[in-house]
Amino acid sequence: MSDFKQAEKCAERLSALAEPNRMRIIDALRTGSRTVTELAMLLKSEIVNVSHHLKILRLAGLVEAKKFGRFMEYALSSEWTSDKGAVSVDLGVYRVVLPAVE
């Protein structure tokens, strides 16, 4: 790693991803934006738990939130790139790649 700040940012993002429910959220968002309620139903989890995980992903810059009326919709941040169904994000020295879903 070239500097301490870059290492810190990379570690923060890896830490945000290092939780199974957060990885499931990232996987669910690869097909488009969703509300917390939609994610909770999809993941069969409580809304409060999904909201907690979304906050961590948002603070790490991996997810973005946009308000639509009374609802917030969450989507992968613009740092994620898509290629033939696979999505990836550059964490500095490392790149996380989620392969295309068959």
C-alpha atoms as a PDB file:
ATOM      1  CA  MET A   1       0.000   0.000   0.000  1.00  0.00           C
ATOM      2  CA  SER A   2       1.345   3.373  -0.961  1.00  0.00           C
ATOM      3  CA  ASP A   3       0.201   5.295   2.103  1.00  0.00           C
ATOM      4  CA  PHE A   4      -1.567   4.933   5.423  1.00  0.00           C
ATOM      5  CA  LYS A   5      -4.763   6.750   4.363  1.00  0.00           C
ATOM      6  CA  GLN A   6      -5.212   4.448   1.381  1.00  0.00           C
ATOM      7  CA  ALA A   7      -4.694   1.418   3.628  1.00  0.00           C
ATOM      8  CA  GLU A   8      -7.242   2.766   6.132  1.00  0.00           C
ATOM      9  CA  LYS A   9      -9.872   3.350   3.440  1.00  0.00           C
ATOM     10  CA  CYS A  10      -9.314  -0.104   1.962  1.00  0.00           C
ATOM     11  CA  ALA A  11      -9.575  -1.757   5.396  1.00  0.00           C
ATOM     12  CA  GLU A  12     -12.771   0.168   6.199  1.00  0.00           C
ATOM     13  CA  ARG A  13     -14.406  -0.984   2.986  1.00  0.00           C
ATOM     14  CA  LEU A  14     -13.267  -4.586   3.397  1.00  0.00           C
ATOM     15  CA  SER A  15     -14.618  -4.524   6.946  1.00  0.00           C
ATOM     16  CA  ALA A  16     -17.979  -3.266   5.667  1.00  0.00           C
ATOM     17  CA  LEU A  17     -18.114  -6.147   3.188  1.00  0.00           C
ATOM     18  CA  ALA A  18     -16.927  -8.769   5.690  1.00  0.00           C
ATOM     19  CA  GLU A  19     -20.414  -9.586   6.962  1.00  0.00           C
ATOM     20  CA  PRO A  20     -22.699 -12.103   5.234  1.00  0.00           C
ATOM     21  CA  ASN A  21     -25.854  -9.960   5.359  1.00  0.00           C
ATOM     22  CA  ARG A  22     -24.027  -6.998   3.837  1.00  0.00           C
ATOM     23  CA  MET A  23     -22.745  -9.179   1.023  1.00  0.00           C
ATOM     24  CA  ARG A  24     -26.324 -10.347   0.440  1.00  0.00           C
ATOM     25  CA  ILE A  25     -27.446  -6.704   0.264  1.00  0.00           C
ATOM     26  CA  ILE A  26     -24.711  -5.894  -2.265  1.00  0.00           C
ATOM     27  CA  ASP A  27     -25.762  -8.932  -4.285  1.00  0.00           C
ATOM     28  CA  ALA A  28     -29.434  -7.854  -4.206  1.00  0.00           C
ATOM     29  CA  LEU A  29     -28.539  -4.328  -5.355  1.00  0.00           C
ATOM     30  CA  ARG A  30     -26.568  -5.506  -8.381  1.00  0.00           C
ATOM     31  CA  THR A  31     -29.851  -5.693 -10.340  1.00  0.00           C
ATOM     32  CA  GLY A  32     -31.005  -2.201  -9.388  1.00  0.00           C
ATOM     33  CA  SER A  33     -32.092   0.045  -6.565  1.00  0.00           C
ATOM     34  CA  ARG A  34     -34.397  -1.150  -3.785  1.00  0.00           C
ATOM     35  CA  THR A  35     -36.047   0.220  -0.673  1.00  0.00           C
ATOM     36  CA  VAL A  36     -35.142  -1.043   2.782  1.00  0.00           C
ATOM     37  CA  THR A  37     -38.529  -2.795   2.928  1.00  0.00           C
ATOM     38  CA  GLU A  38     -37.866  -4.619  -0.346  1.00  0.00           C
ATOM     39  CA  LEU A  39     -34.425  -5.663   0.873  1.00  0.00           C
ATOM     40  CA  ALA A  40     -35.812  -6.840   4.223  1.00  0.00           C
ATOM     41  CA  MET A  41     -38.406  -9.019   2.467  1.00  0.00           C
ATOM     42  CA  LEU A  42     -35.825 -10.384   0.039  1.00  0.00           C
ATOM     43  CA  LEU A  43     -33.337 -11.184   2.810  1.00  0.00           C
ATOM     44  CA  LYS A  44     -36.056 -12.386   5.217  1.00  0.00           C
ATOM     45  CA  SER A  45     -34.702 -10.006   7.840  1.00  0.00           C
ATOM     46  CA  GLU A  46     -36.040  -7.255  10.085  1.00  0.00           C
ATOM     47  CA  ILE A  47     -36.119  -3.742   8.605  1.00  0.00           C
ATOM     48  CA  VAL A  48     -34.082  -2.381  11.522  1.00  0.00           C
ATOM     49  CA  ASN A  49     -31.289  -4.892  10.842  1.00  0.00           C
ATOM     50  CA  VAL A  50     -31.222  -4.150   7.116  1.00  0.00           C
ATOM     51  CA  SER A  51     -31.155  -0.403   7.868  1.00  0.00           C
ATOM     52  CA  HIS A  52     -28.170  -0.925  10.159  1.00  0.00           C
ATOM     53  CA  HIS A  53     -26.239  -2.812   7.472  1.00  0.00           C
ATOM     54  CA  LEU A  54     -27.159  -0.233   4.806  1.00  0.00           C
ATOM     55  CA  LYS A  55     -25.810   2.551   7.020  1.00  0.00           C
ATOM     56  CA  ILE A  56     -22.451   0.790   7.333  1.00  0.00           C
ATOM     57  CA  LEU A  57     -22.295   0.172   3.579  1.00  0.00           C
ATOM     58  CA  ARG A  58     -23.254   3.797   2.885  1.00  0.00           C
ATOM     59  CA  LEU A  59     -20.621   5.185   5.267  1.00  0.00           C
ATOM     60  CA  ALA A  60     -18.019   3.009   3.522  1.00  0.00           C
ATOM     61  CA  GLY A  61     -19.054   4.514   0.179  1.00  0.00           C
ATOM     62  CA  LEU A  62     -20.273   1.207  -1.230  1.00  0.00           C
ATOM     63  CA  VAL A  63     -23.980   2.101  -1.370  1.00  0.00           C
ATOM     64  CA  GLU A  64     -25.814   5.332  -2.193  1.00  0.00           C
ATOM     65  CA  ALA A  65     -29.247   6.428  -0.996  1.00  0.00           C
ATOM     66  CA  LYS A  66     -31.739   8.614  -2.858  1.00  0.00           C
ATOM     67  CA  LYS A  67     -35.034   9.886  -1.539  1.00  0.00           C
ATOM     68  CA  PHE A  68     -38.143   9.210  -3.622  1.00  0.00           C
ATOM     69  CA  GLY A  69     -41.182  10.706  -1.915  1.00  0.00           C
ATOM     70  CA  ARG A  70     -41.371   9.181   1.544  1.00  0.00           C
ATOM     71  CA  PHE A  71     -38.991   6.350   0.710  1.00  0.00           C
ATOM     72  CA  MET A  72     -35.248   5.978   0.398  1.00  0.00           C
ATOM     73  CA  GLU A  73     -33.938   3.818  -2.403  1.00  0.00           C
ATOM     74  CA  TYR A  74     -30.530   2.240  -2.095  1.00  0.00           C
ATOM     75  CA  ALA A  75     -28.232   1.357  -4.969  1.00  0.00           C
ATOM     76  CA  LEU A  76     -24.620   0.375  -5.491  1.00  0.00           C
ATOM     77  CA  SER A  77     -22.442   3.480  -5.462  1.00  0.00           C
ATOM     78  CA  SER A  78     -21.045   4.818  -8.705  1.00  0.00           C
ATOM     79  CA  GLU A  79     -17.682   3.278  -7.786  1.00  0.00           C
ATOM     80  CA  TRP A  80     -19.022  -0.161  -8.722  1.00  0.00           C
ATOM     81  CA  THR A  81     -18.541  -1.130 -12.350  1.00  0.00           C
ATOM     82  CA  SER A  82     -20.449  -3.722 -14.310  1.00  0.00           C
ATOM     83  CA  ASP A  83     -19.170  -5.963 -17.075  1.00  0.00           C
ATOM     84  CA  LYS A  84     -21.217  -8.802 -18.583  1.00  0.00           C
ATOM     85  CA  GLY A  85     -23.234  -9.240 -15.384  1.00  0.00           C
ATOM     86  CA  ALA A  86     -20.252  -9.175 -13.027  1.00  0.00           C
ATOM     87  CA  VAL A  87     -19.870  -6.197 -10.696  1.00  0.00           C
ATOM     88  CA  SER A  88     -16.653  -4.977  -9.131  1.00  0.00           C
ATOM     89  CA  VAL A  89     -15.313  -2.186  -6.975  1.00  0.00           C
ATOM     90  CA  ASP A  90     -11.747  -0.943  -6.730  1.00  0.00           C
ATOM     91  CA  LEU A  91     -10.608  -0.622  -3.113  1.00  0.00           C
ATOM     92  CA  GLY A  92      -7.242   0.894  -3.909  1.00  0.00           C
ATOM     93  CA  VAL A  93      -4.807  -1.977  -4.036  1.00  0.00           C
ATOM     94  CA  TYR A  94      -7.525  -4.641  -4.067  1.00  0.00           C
ATOM     95  CA  ARG A  95     -10.523  -5.167  -6.326  1.00  0.00           C
ATOM     96  CA  VAL A  96     -13.644  -7.012  -5.191  1.00  0.00           C
ATOM     97  CA  VAL A  97     -15.403  -8.841  -8.027  1.00  0.00           C
ATOM     98  CA  LEU A  98     -18.806 -10.493  -7.792  1.00  0.00           C
ATOM     99  CA  PRO A  99     -19.146 -12.836 -10.773  1.00  0.00           C
ATOM    100  CA  ALA A 100     -22.179 -12.783 -13.037  1.00  0.00           C
ATOM    101  CA  VAL A 101     -25.210 -14.643 -11.751  1.00  0.00           C
ATOM    102  CA  GLU A 102     -26.232 -17.537 -13.956  1.00  0.00           C
END
